[in-house]
Amino acid sequence: MHITPVRFLRTSISAALVSVMALSSFSIYGATDEKIDNVVEKIEQESNGNISIEIPPAILDLILQKSASKPSMQEIRPGINKLSGFRIQVFSDGRNQNTLEARAKARGSAILAKFPKYRGQVYTYSSSPNWYTRVGNFRTNAEANSALAELKRAFPNYASEMRVVKCQIVVIKQ
């Protein structure tokens, strides 16, 4: 099991707080006859409401590095990147389960036959009970809407089903 720096930090802080509370309860109930109903109140009283947690610099650097490492639209690294973007949904249906997969794939094949520029960008998948076919990897809504208009002109029979959807896209940069 891989433990991330953030998970390690959360676990360490939780363990430290439990230890402090346990030690406080032993001193509260074991060493004196005082009965304090709430251990947290006792800790707050003794520490004047201030609890400090020391985080080693190496762990803090890892946490800060992890949060700064997510790529934005402007900073795409070489290789395959997954970003928030848009695709055109050209098929979505959940009726007649026997033929759904074939119809979803046929819709994608028809688009590829007319628009080879979308080779490698046709995604057919199932999310029970529905099948979907989506096309493209568009970074902006404007790009997706332009392509949607082009697809609607080329396939008027499917035009009423086509729409732009926001989803994770794949961007490949050499």
N, C-alpha and C. Protein backbone atom coordinates (compact mmCIF):
# COMPACT_ATOMS: atom_id res chain seq x y z
N MET A 1 0.84 -1.18 0.00
CA MET A 1 0.00 0.00 0.00
C MET A 1 0.88 1.23 0.00
N HIS A 2 0.63 2.16 -0.90
CA HIS A 2 1.41 3.39 -1.02
C HIS A 2 0.78 4.46 -0.15
N ILE A 3 1.56 5.07 0.70
CA ILE A 3 1.05 6.13 1.56
C ILE A 3 1.55 7.46 1.03
N THR A 4 0.62 8.33 0.67
CA THR A 4 0.98 9.65 0.16
C THR A 4 1.39 10.54 1.32
N PRO A 5 2.14 11.61 1.05
CA PRO A 5 2.54 12.53 2.12
C PRO A 5 1.35 13.12 2.86
N VAL A 6 0.30 13.44 2.15
CA VAL A 6 -0.88 14.03 2.79
C VAL A 6 -1.53 13.01 3.71
N ARG A 7 -1.66 11.78 3.25
CA ARG A 7 -2.25 10.72 4.07
C ARG A 7 -1.39 10.47 5.31
N PHE A 8 -0.08 10.47 5.13
CA PHE A 8 0.84 10.28 6.25
C PHE A 8 0.66 11.39 7.27
N LEU A 9 0.55 12.63 6.77
CA LEU A 9 0.39 13.78 7.65
C LEU A 9 -0.91 13.69 8.43
N ARG A 10 -2.00 13.36 7.75
CA ARG A 10 -3.30 13.23 8.42
C ARG A 10 -3.24 12.15 9.49
N THR A 11 -2.65 11.01 9.14
CA THR A 11 -2.55 9.90 10.09
C THR A 11 -1.69 10.30 11.29
N SER A 12 -0.60 10.99 11.04
CA SER A 12 0.29 11.41 12.12
C SER A 12 -0.39 12.40 13.05
N ILE A 13 -1.10 13.36 12.48
CA ILE A 13 -1.80 14.36 13.29
C ILE A 13 -2.88 13.67 14.12
N SER A 14 -3.63 12.77 13.50
CA SER A 14 -4.69 12.05 14.23
C SER A 14 -4.09 11.25 15.38
N ALA A 15 -2.99 10.56 15.12
CA ALA A 15 -2.35 9.75 16.16
C ALA A 15 -1.84 10.64 17.29
N ALA A 16 -1.28 11.78 16.95
CA ALA A 16 -0.76 12.70 17.97
C ALA A 16 -1.90 13.23 18.84
N LEU A 17 -3.00 13.61 18.23
CA LEU A 17 -4.13 14.12 19.01
C LEU A 17 -4.71 13.05 19.91
N VAL A 18 -4.83 11.82 19.41
CA VAL A 18 -5.35 10.73 20.23
C VAL A 18 -4.40 10.48 21.41
N SER A 19 -3.09 10.52 21.14
CA SER A 19 -2.12 10.32 22.22
C SER A 19 -2.23 11.40 23.27
N VAL A 20 -2.33 12.65 22.85
CA VAL A 20 -2.46 13.76 23.79
C VAL A 20 -3.72 13.61 24.62
N MET A 21 -4.82 13.24 23.95
CA MET A 21 -6.08 13.08 24.67
C MET A 21 -5.99 11.92 25.66
N ALA A 22 -5.37 10.82 25.26
CA ALA A 22 -5.24 9.67 26.14
C ALA A 22 -4.38 10.01 27.35
N LEU A 23 -3.24 10.67 27.13
CA LEU A 23 -2.36 11.05 28.23
C LEU A 23 -3.05 12.02 29.17
N SER A 24 -3.81 12.94 28.58
CA SER A 24 -4.53 13.90 29.40
C SER A 24 -5.58 13.21 30.25
N SER A 25 -6.26 12.23 29.65
CA SER A 25 -7.30 11.55 30.42
C SER A 25 -6.68 10.72 31.54
N PHE A 26 -5.48 10.15 31.32
CA PHE A 26 -4.82 9.41 32.38
C PHE A 26 -4.46 10.35 33.53
N SER A 27 -3.91 11.53 33.17
CA SER A 27 -3.53 12.46 34.22
C SER A 27 -4.75 13.05 34.90
N ILE A 28 -5.82 13.21 34.15
CA ILE A 28 -7.04 13.77 34.73
C ILE A 28 -7.65 12.78 35.71
N TYR A 29 -7.81 11.54 35.25
CA TYR A 29 -8.53 10.57 36.05
C TYR A 29 -7.62 9.72 36.95
N GLY A 30 -6.34 9.59 36.58
CA GLY A 30 -5.47 8.71 37.35
C GLY A 30 -4.75 9.42 38.47
N ALA A 31 -4.20 10.58 38.22
CA ALA A 31 -3.35 11.25 39.19
C ALA A 31 -4.15 12.08 40.19
N THR A 32 -5.29 12.57 39.80
CA THR A 32 -6.08 13.42 40.69
C THR A 32 -7.48 12.88 40.81
N ASP A 33 -8.19 13.44 41.78
CA ASP A 33 -9.58 13.04 41.97
C ASP A 33 -10.54 13.92 41.19
N GLU A 34 -9.98 14.92 40.46
CA GLU A 34 -10.83 15.82 39.70
C GLU A 34 -11.56 15.04 38.62
N LYS A 35 -12.81 15.35 38.45
CA LYS A 35 -13.59 14.74 37.38
C LYS A 35 -13.94 15.83 36.38
N ILE A 36 -13.32 15.77 35.23
CA ILE A 36 -13.64 16.71 34.17
C ILE A 36 -14.37 15.94 33.10
N ASP A 37 -15.54 16.40 32.74
CA ASP A 37 -16.39 15.67 31.81
C ASP A 37 -15.81 15.62 30.40
N ASN A 38 -15.10 16.63 30.00
CA ASN A 38 -14.65 16.69 28.62
C ASN A 38 -13.13 16.84 28.57
N VAL A 39 -12.46 15.86 28.01
CA VAL A 39 -11.00 15.87 27.92
C VAL A 39 -10.54 17.02 27.03
N VAL A 40 -11.29 17.29 25.98
CA VAL A 40 -10.91 18.37 25.07
C VAL A 40 -10.89 19.70 25.81
N GLU A 41 -11.86 19.93 26.67
CA GLU A 41 -11.87 21.16 27.45
C GLU A 41 -10.62 21.27 28.31
N LYS A 42 -10.20 20.16 28.92
CA LYS A 42 -9.00 20.15 29.75
C LYS A 42 -7.76 20.51 28.93
N ILE A 43 -7.66 19.93 27.74
CA ILE A 43 -6.51 20.24 26.87
C ILE A 43 -6.53 21.72 26.50
N GLU A 44 -7.70 22.24 26.16
CA GLU A 44 -7.81 23.66 25.82
C GLU A 44 -7.42 24.56 26.99
N GLN A 45 -7.84 24.19 28.20
CA GLN A 45 -7.52 24.98 29.38
C GLN A 45 -6.01 25.00 29.63
N GLU A 46 -5.39 23.82 29.55
CA GLU A 46 -3.97 23.73 29.84
C GLU A 46 -3.09 24.37 28.77
N SER A 47 -3.59 24.39 27.53
CA SER A 47 -2.77 24.95 26.44
C SER A 47 -3.23 26.35 26.05
N ASN A 48 -4.17 26.90 26.77
CA ASN A 48 -4.74 28.22 26.44
C ASN A 48 -5.32 28.25 25.04
N GLY A 49 -5.80 27.11 24.56
CA GLY A 49 -6.43 27.04 23.25
C GLY A 49 -5.45 26.96 22.09
N ASN A 50 -4.15 26.88 22.38
CA ASN A 50 -3.14 26.84 21.32
C ASN A 50 -2.47 25.48 21.30
N ILE A 51 -2.60 24.79 20.18
CA ILE A 51 -1.92 23.52 19.99
C ILE A 51 -1.04 23.67 18.76
N SER A 52 0.24 23.40 18.91
CA SER A 52 1.13 23.53 17.75
C SER A 52 1.55 22.14 17.30
N ILE A 53 1.59 21.96 16.00
CA ILE A 53 2.02 20.70 15.40
C ILE A 53 3.20 21.01 14.50
N GLU A 54 4.31 20.35 14.76
CA GLU A 54 5.50 20.58 13.95
C GLU A 54 5.52 19.59 12.80
N ILE A 55 5.64 20.12 11.59
CA ILE A 55 5.72 19.30 10.39
C ILE A 55 7.15 19.38 9.88
N PRO A 56 7.81 18.24 9.72
CA PRO A 56 9.18 18.26 9.20
C PRO A 56 9.22 18.95 7.82
N PRO A 57 10.27 19.75 7.59
CA PRO A 57 10.36 20.47 6.31
C PRO A 57 10.28 19.57 5.08
N ALA A 58 10.82 18.37 5.16
CA ALA A 58 10.78 17.46 4.01
C ALA A 58 9.34 17.08 3.66
N ILE A 59 8.53 16.82 4.68
CA ILE A 59 7.12 16.47 4.46
C ILE A 59 6.36 17.68 3.92
N LEU A 60 6.62 18.84 4.50
CA LEU A 60 5.95 20.06 4.04
C LEU A 60 6.28 20.35 2.58
N ASP A 61 7.54 20.16 2.18
CA ASP A 61 7.93 20.34 0.78
C ASP A 61 7.18 19.39 -0.14
N LEU A 62 7.04 18.13 0.29
CA LEU A 62 6.30 17.15 -0.52
C LEU A 62 4.84 17.55 -0.70
N ILE A 63 4.23 18.02 0.37
CA ILE A 63 2.83 18.44 0.30
C ILE A 63 2.67 19.62 -0.65
N LEU A 64 3.52 20.62 -0.51
CA LEU A 64 3.44 21.80 -1.37
C LEU A 64 3.74 21.46 -2.82
N GLN A 65 4.71 20.58 -3.05
CA GLN A 65 5.07 20.15 -4.40
C GLN A 65 3.91 19.40 -5.04
N LYS A 66 3.24 18.54 -4.29
CA LYS A 66 2.11 17.75 -4.80
C LYS A 66 0.97 18.66 -5.24
N SER A 67 0.65 19.69 -4.45
CA SER A 67 -0.46 20.56 -4.78
C SER A 67 -0.14 21.47 -5.96
N ALA A 68 1.13 21.76 -6.20
CA ALA A 68 1.51 22.64 -7.30
C ALA A 68 1.76 21.87 -8.60
N SER A 69 1.70 20.54 -8.57
CA SER A 69 2.09 19.77 -9.74
C SER A 69 0.96 19.48 -10.72
N LYS A 70 -0.27 19.89 -10.45
CA LYS A 70 -1.37 19.61 -11.37
C LYS A 70 -1.27 20.54 -12.57
N PRO A 71 -1.27 19.99 -13.80
CA PRO A 71 -1.10 20.83 -14.99
C PRO A 71 -2.37 21.63 -15.29
N SER A 72 -2.18 22.86 -15.70
CA SER A 72 -3.30 23.67 -16.14
C SER A 72 -3.34 23.61 -17.66
N MET A 73 -4.28 24.31 -18.25
CA MET A 73 -4.39 24.31 -19.71
C MET A 73 -3.11 24.84 -20.36
N GLN A 74 -2.44 25.79 -19.71
CA GLN A 74 -1.27 26.40 -20.31
C GLN A 74 -0.02 25.53 -20.16
N GLU A 75 0.08 24.80 -19.06
CA GLU A 75 1.30 24.05 -18.81
C GLU A 75 1.08 22.55 -19.00
N ILE A 76 1.10 22.13 -20.25
CA ILE A 76 0.95 20.72 -20.58
C ILE A 76 2.33 20.12 -20.76
N ARG A 77 2.56 19.04 -20.04
CA ARG A 77 3.87 18.40 -20.09
C ARG A 77 3.95 17.43 -21.27
N PRO A 78 5.16 17.09 -21.73
CA PRO A 78 5.28 16.09 -22.80
C PRO A 78 4.67 14.77 -22.35
N GLY A 79 4.03 14.08 -23.30
CA GLY A 79 3.38 12.81 -22.99
C GLY A 79 1.88 12.94 -23.04
N ILE A 80 1.20 12.03 -22.37
CA ILE A 80 -0.26 12.03 -22.35
C ILE A 80 -0.74 12.76 -21.11
N ASN A 81 -1.61 13.74 -21.31
CA ASN A 81 -2.15 14.53 -20.22
C ASN A 81 -3.66 14.43 -20.21
N LYS A 82 -4.25 14.30 -19.04
CA LYS A 82 -5.70 14.32 -18.90
C LYS A 82 -6.09 15.65 -18.28
N LEU A 83 -6.96 16.36 -18.97
CA LEU A 83 -7.39 17.68 -18.53
C LEU A 83 -8.90 17.77 -18.60
N SER A 84 -9.44 18.76 -17.95
CA SER A 84 -10.87 19.03 -18.06
C SER A 84 -11.10 19.71 -19.41
N GLY A 85 -12.06 19.22 -20.16
CA GLY A 85 -12.34 19.79 -21.47
C GLY A 85 -13.72 19.39 -21.94
N PHE A 86 -13.88 19.24 -23.26
CA PHE A 86 -15.19 18.97 -23.84
C PHE A 86 -15.10 17.92 -24.93
N ARG A 87 -16.18 17.16 -25.08
CA ARG A 87 -16.35 16.21 -26.18
C ARG A 87 -17.76 16.37 -26.71
N ILE A 88 -17.98 15.82 -27.89
CA ILE A 88 -19.31 15.85 -28.49
C ILE A 88 -19.92 14.47 -28.31
N GLN A 89 -21.04 14.44 -27.63
CA GLN A 89 -21.76 13.17 -27.45
C GLN A 89 -22.64 12.96 -28.67
N VAL A 90 -22.38 11.89 -29.40
CA VAL A 90 -23.12 11.62 -30.64
C VAL A 90 -24.09 10.45 -30.49
N PHE A 91 -23.97 9.71 -29.36
CA PHE A 91 -24.88 8.60 -29.13
C PHE A 91 -25.05 8.40 -27.63
N SER A 92 -26.30 8.22 -27.21
CA SER A 92 -26.61 7.93 -25.81
C SER A 92 -27.95 7.23 -25.80
N ASP A 93 -27.96 5.97 -25.37
CA ASP A 93 -29.22 5.22 -25.38
C ASP A 93 -29.16 4.09 -24.37
N GLY A 94 -30.30 3.73 -23.84
CA GLY A 94 -30.38 2.64 -22.89
C GLY A 94 -31.51 1.68 -23.22
N ARG A 95 -32.15 1.89 -24.37
CA ARG A 95 -33.25 1.00 -24.78
C ARG A 95 -32.74 -0.08 -25.70
N ASN A 96 -33.43 -1.20 -25.74
CA ASN A 96 -33.09 -2.33 -26.62
C ASN A 96 -31.65 -2.79 -26.37
N GLN A 97 -31.43 -3.34 -25.19
CA GLN A 97 -30.10 -3.72 -24.71
C GLN A 97 -29.32 -4.63 -25.67
N ASN A 98 -30.00 -5.43 -26.46
CA ASN A 98 -29.31 -6.39 -27.34
C ASN A 98 -28.47 -5.72 -28.41
N THR A 99 -28.87 -4.54 -28.86
CA THR A 99 -28.18 -3.90 -29.98
C THR A 99 -27.44 -2.62 -29.60
N LEU A 100 -27.44 -2.26 -28.33
CA LEU A 100 -26.85 -0.98 -27.92
C LEU A 100 -25.38 -0.83 -28.29
N GLU A 101 -24.56 -1.80 -27.94
CA GLU A 101 -23.13 -1.69 -28.20
C GLU A 101 -22.87 -1.56 -29.70
N ALA A 102 -23.53 -2.37 -30.51
CA ALA A 102 -23.34 -2.32 -31.96
C ALA A 102 -23.75 -0.96 -32.53
N ARG A 103 -24.88 -0.43 -32.03
CA ARG A 103 -25.33 0.87 -32.54
C ARG A 103 -24.39 1.99 -32.12
N ALA A 104 -23.88 1.93 -30.89
CA ALA A 104 -22.94 2.96 -30.42
C ALA A 104 -21.66 2.94 -31.24
N LYS A 105 -21.13 1.74 -31.51
CA LYS A 105 -19.90 1.63 -32.31
C LYS A 105 -20.14 2.01 -33.76
N ALA A 106 -21.32 1.68 -34.30
CA ALA A 106 -21.64 2.04 -35.68
C ALA A 106 -21.69 3.56 -35.86
N ARG A 107 -22.21 4.26 -34.85
CA ARG A 107 -22.27 5.73 -34.92
C ARG A 107 -20.86 6.30 -34.96
N GLY A 108 -19.96 5.76 -34.13
CA GLY A 108 -18.57 6.22 -34.15
C GLY A 108 -17.88 5.91 -35.47
N SER A 109 -18.15 4.75 -36.03
CA SER A 109 -17.55 4.37 -37.32
C SER A 109 -18.04 5.27 -38.45
N ALA A 110 -19.32 5.63 -38.41
CA ALA A 110 -19.87 6.51 -39.44
C ALA A 110 -19.20 7.89 -39.39
N ILE A 111 -18.95 8.38 -38.19
CA ILE A 111 -18.29 9.68 -38.06
C ILE A 111 -16.84 9.59 -38.54
N LEU A 112 -16.15 8.51 -38.19
CA LEU A 112 -14.77 8.34 -38.65
C LEU A 112 -14.67 8.24 -40.17
N ALA A 113 -15.66 7.59 -40.79
CA ALA A 113 -15.64 7.45 -42.25
C ALA A 113 -15.70 8.81 -42.93
N LYS A 114 -16.46 9.74 -42.36
CA LYS A 114 -16.60 11.08 -42.96
C LYS A 114 -15.56 12.07 -42.44
N PHE A 115 -15.08 11.85 -41.22
CA PHE A 115 -14.13 12.78 -40.60
C PHE A 115 -12.92 12.01 -40.05
N PRO A 116 -11.98 11.65 -40.90
CA PRO A 116 -10.80 10.90 -40.44
C PRO A 116 -9.94 11.68 -39.44
N LYS A 117 -10.14 12.99 -39.34
CA LYS A 117 -9.37 13.78 -38.39
C LYS A 117 -9.67 13.38 -36.94
N TYR A 118 -10.77 12.66 -36.71
CA TYR A 118 -11.12 12.22 -35.36
C TYR A 118 -10.62 10.80 -35.05
N ARG A 119 -9.74 10.26 -35.91
CA ARG A 119 -9.18 8.93 -35.65
C ARG A 119 -8.46 8.97 -34.30
N GLY A 120 -8.77 8.00 -33.46
CA GLY A 120 -8.19 7.96 -32.12
C GLY A 120 -8.92 8.83 -31.12
N GLN A 121 -9.98 9.51 -31.56
CA GLN A 121 -10.72 10.39 -30.67
C GLN A 121 -12.21 10.03 -30.61
N VAL A 122 -12.53 8.78 -30.88
CA VAL A 122 -13.90 8.30 -30.76
C VAL A 122 -13.93 7.36 -29.56
N TYR A 123 -14.76 7.69 -28.59
CA TYR A 123 -14.81 6.94 -27.34
C TYR A 123 -16.19 6.33 -27.17
N THR A 124 -16.26 5.00 -27.20
CA THR A 124 -17.52 4.29 -27.01
C THR A 124 -17.39 3.50 -25.71
N TYR A 125 -18.36 3.72 -24.81
CA TYR A 125 -18.30 3.03 -23.52
C TYR A 125 -19.70 2.86 -22.95
N SER A 126 -19.77 2.01 -21.93
CA SER A 126 -21.04 1.70 -21.29
C SER A 126 -21.02 2.16 -19.85
N SER A 127 -22.12 2.73 -19.42
CA SER A 127 -22.37 3.00 -18.01
C SER A 127 -23.80 2.51 -17.80
N SER A 128 -23.90 1.30 -17.32
CA SER A 128 -25.15 0.54 -17.29
C SER A 128 -26.33 1.39 -16.83
N PRO A 129 -27.42 1.36 -17.53
CA PRO A 129 -27.76 0.52 -18.68
C PRO A 129 -27.50 1.19 -20.02
N ASN A 130 -26.86 2.36 -20.02
CA ASN A 130 -26.69 3.14 -21.24
C ASN A 130 -25.34 2.89 -21.93
N TRP A 131 -25.34 3.14 -23.24
CA TRP A 131 -24.11 3.16 -24.03
C TRP A 131 -23.94 4.57 -24.58
N TYR A 132 -22.67 5.02 -24.65
CA TYR A 132 -22.36 6.36 -25.12
C TYR A 132 -21.28 6.30 -26.18
N THR A 133 -21.34 7.24 -27.12
CA THR A 133 -20.24 7.46 -28.05
C THR A 133 -19.97 8.95 -28.04
N ARG A 134 -18.72 9.29 -27.75
CA ARG A 134 -18.29 10.70 -27.71
C ARG A 134 -17.10 10.88 -28.64
N VAL A 135 -17.00 12.07 -29.20
CA VAL A 135 -15.99 12.37 -30.21
C VAL A 135 -15.20 13.60 -29.80
N GLY A 136 -13.88 13.53 -30.00
CA GLY A 136 -13.02 14.70 -29.86
C GLY A 136 -12.39 14.87 -28.50
N ASN A 137 -11.42 15.75 -28.48
CA ASN A 137 -10.74 16.22 -27.27
C ASN A 137 -10.58 17.73 -27.44
N PHE A 138 -11.58 18.47 -27.02
CA PHE A 138 -11.59 19.92 -27.22
C PHE A 138 -11.29 20.62 -25.90
N ARG A 139 -10.36 21.56 -25.95
CA ARG A 139 -9.98 22.28 -24.73
C ARG A 139 -10.99 23.34 -24.35
N THR A 140 -11.66 23.94 -25.34
CA THR A 140 -12.61 24.99 -25.02
C THR A 140 -14.00 24.63 -25.53
N ASN A 141 -14.99 25.25 -24.93
CA ASN A 141 -16.37 25.04 -25.34
C ASN A 141 -16.59 25.57 -26.76
N ALA A 142 -15.92 26.65 -27.12
CA ALA A 142 -16.05 27.23 -28.45
C ALA A 142 -15.57 26.25 -29.53
N GLU A 143 -14.42 25.59 -29.29
CA GLU A 143 -13.91 24.60 -30.25
C GLU A 143 -14.92 23.46 -30.41
N ALA A 144 -15.47 22.99 -29.30
CA ALA A 144 -16.42 21.88 -29.33
C ALA A 144 -17.70 22.28 -30.06
N ASN A 145 -18.19 23.49 -29.82
CA ASN A 145 -19.41 23.93 -30.50
C ASN A 145 -19.22 24.09 -32.00
N SER A 146 -18.03 24.53 -32.40
CA SER A 146 -17.73 24.63 -33.83
C SER A 146 -17.75 23.24 -34.48
N ALA A 147 -17.12 22.27 -33.82
CA ALA A 147 -17.11 20.90 -34.35
C ALA A 147 -18.51 20.29 -34.31
N LEU A 148 -19.29 20.63 -33.29
CA LEU A 148 -20.67 20.14 -33.19
C LEU A 148 -21.49 20.61 -34.39
N ALA A 149 -21.37 21.87 -34.75
CA ALA A 149 -22.10 22.40 -35.90
C ALA A 149 -21.70 21.66 -37.17
N GLU A 150 -20.41 21.38 -37.33
CA GLU A 150 -19.91 20.65 -38.49
C GLU A 150 -20.48 19.23 -38.55
N LEU A 151 -20.51 18.55 -37.40
CA LEU A 151 -21.06 17.18 -37.34
C LEU A 151 -22.57 17.17 -37.58
N LYS A 152 -23.27 18.16 -37.07
CA LYS A 152 -24.73 18.22 -37.27
C LYS A 152 -25.07 18.42 -38.74
N ARG A 153 -24.25 19.24 -39.44
CA ARG A 153 -24.48 19.42 -40.89
C ARG A 153 -24.22 18.13 -41.65
N ALA A 154 -23.21 17.39 -41.24
CA ALA A 154 -22.84 16.15 -41.94
C ALA A 154 -23.79 15.00 -41.61
N PHE A 155 -24.38 15.00 -40.43
CA PHE A 155 -25.28 13.92 -40.00
C PHE A 155 -26.59 14.50 -39.47
N PRO A 156 -27.44 15.00 -40.35
CA PRO A 156 -28.69 15.63 -39.88
C PRO A 156 -29.62 14.64 -39.16
N ASN A 157 -29.55 13.35 -39.48
CA ASN A 157 -30.41 12.37 -38.81
C ASN A 157 -30.05 12.21 -37.32
N TYR A 158 -28.80 12.47 -36.96
CA TYR A 158 -28.36 12.33 -35.58
C TYR A 158 -28.32 13.68 -34.85
N ALA A 159 -28.58 14.76 -35.55
CA ALA A 159 -28.37 16.11 -35.01
C ALA A 159 -29.11 16.35 -33.70
N SER A 160 -30.32 15.83 -33.56
CA SER A 160 -31.09 16.09 -32.34
C SER A 160 -30.49 15.40 -31.12
N GLU A 161 -29.69 14.36 -31.32
CA GLU A 161 -29.06 13.63 -30.21
C GLU A 161 -27.69 14.20 -29.84
N MET A 162 -27.08 14.97 -30.72
CA MET A 162 -25.72 15.44 -30.48
C MET A 162 -25.71 16.64 -29.55
N ARG A 163 -24.70 16.65 -28.66
CA ARG A 163 -24.53 17.80 -27.77
C ARG A 163 -23.10 17.82 -27.23
N VAL A 164 -22.69 18.97 -26.76
CA VAL A 164 -21.36 19.13 -26.16
C VAL A 164 -21.47 18.75 -24.68
N VAL A 165 -20.50 17.94 -24.21
CA VAL A 165 -20.47 17.55 -22.79
C VAL A 165 -19.11 17.88 -22.20
N LYS A 166 -19.12 18.29 -20.96
CA LYS A 166 -17.87 18.58 -20.25
C LYS A 166 -17.37 17.27 -19.65
N CYS A 167 -16.09 16.96 -19.87
CA CYS A 167 -15.52 15.72 -19.33
C CYS A 167 -14.00 15.80 -19.37
N GLN A 168 -13.34 14.76 -18.87
CA GLN A 168 -11.89 14.65 -18.95
C GLN A 168 -11.51 14.35 -20.40
N ILE A 169 -10.53 15.06 -20.91
CA ILE A 169 -10.05 14.82 -22.27
C ILE A 169 -8.59 14.37 -22.21
N VAL A 170 -8.12 13.86 -23.33
CA VAL A 170 -6.74 13.40 -23.43
C VAL A 170 -6.02 14.32 -24.41
N VAL A 171 -4.90 14.89 -23.97
CA VAL A 171 -4.10 15.74 -24.83
C VAL A 171 -2.71 15.14 -24.89
N ILE A 172 -2.22 14.89 -26.09
CA ILE A 172 -0.90 14.29 -26.28
C ILE A 172 0.04 15.37 -26.80
N LYS A 173 1.13 15.57 -26.09
CA LYS A 173 2.12 16.55 -26.53
C LYS A 173 3.47 15.87 -26.65
N GLN A 174 4.11 16.07 -27.77
CA GLN A 174 5.42 15.45 -28.01
C GLN A 174 6.52 16.27 -27.39
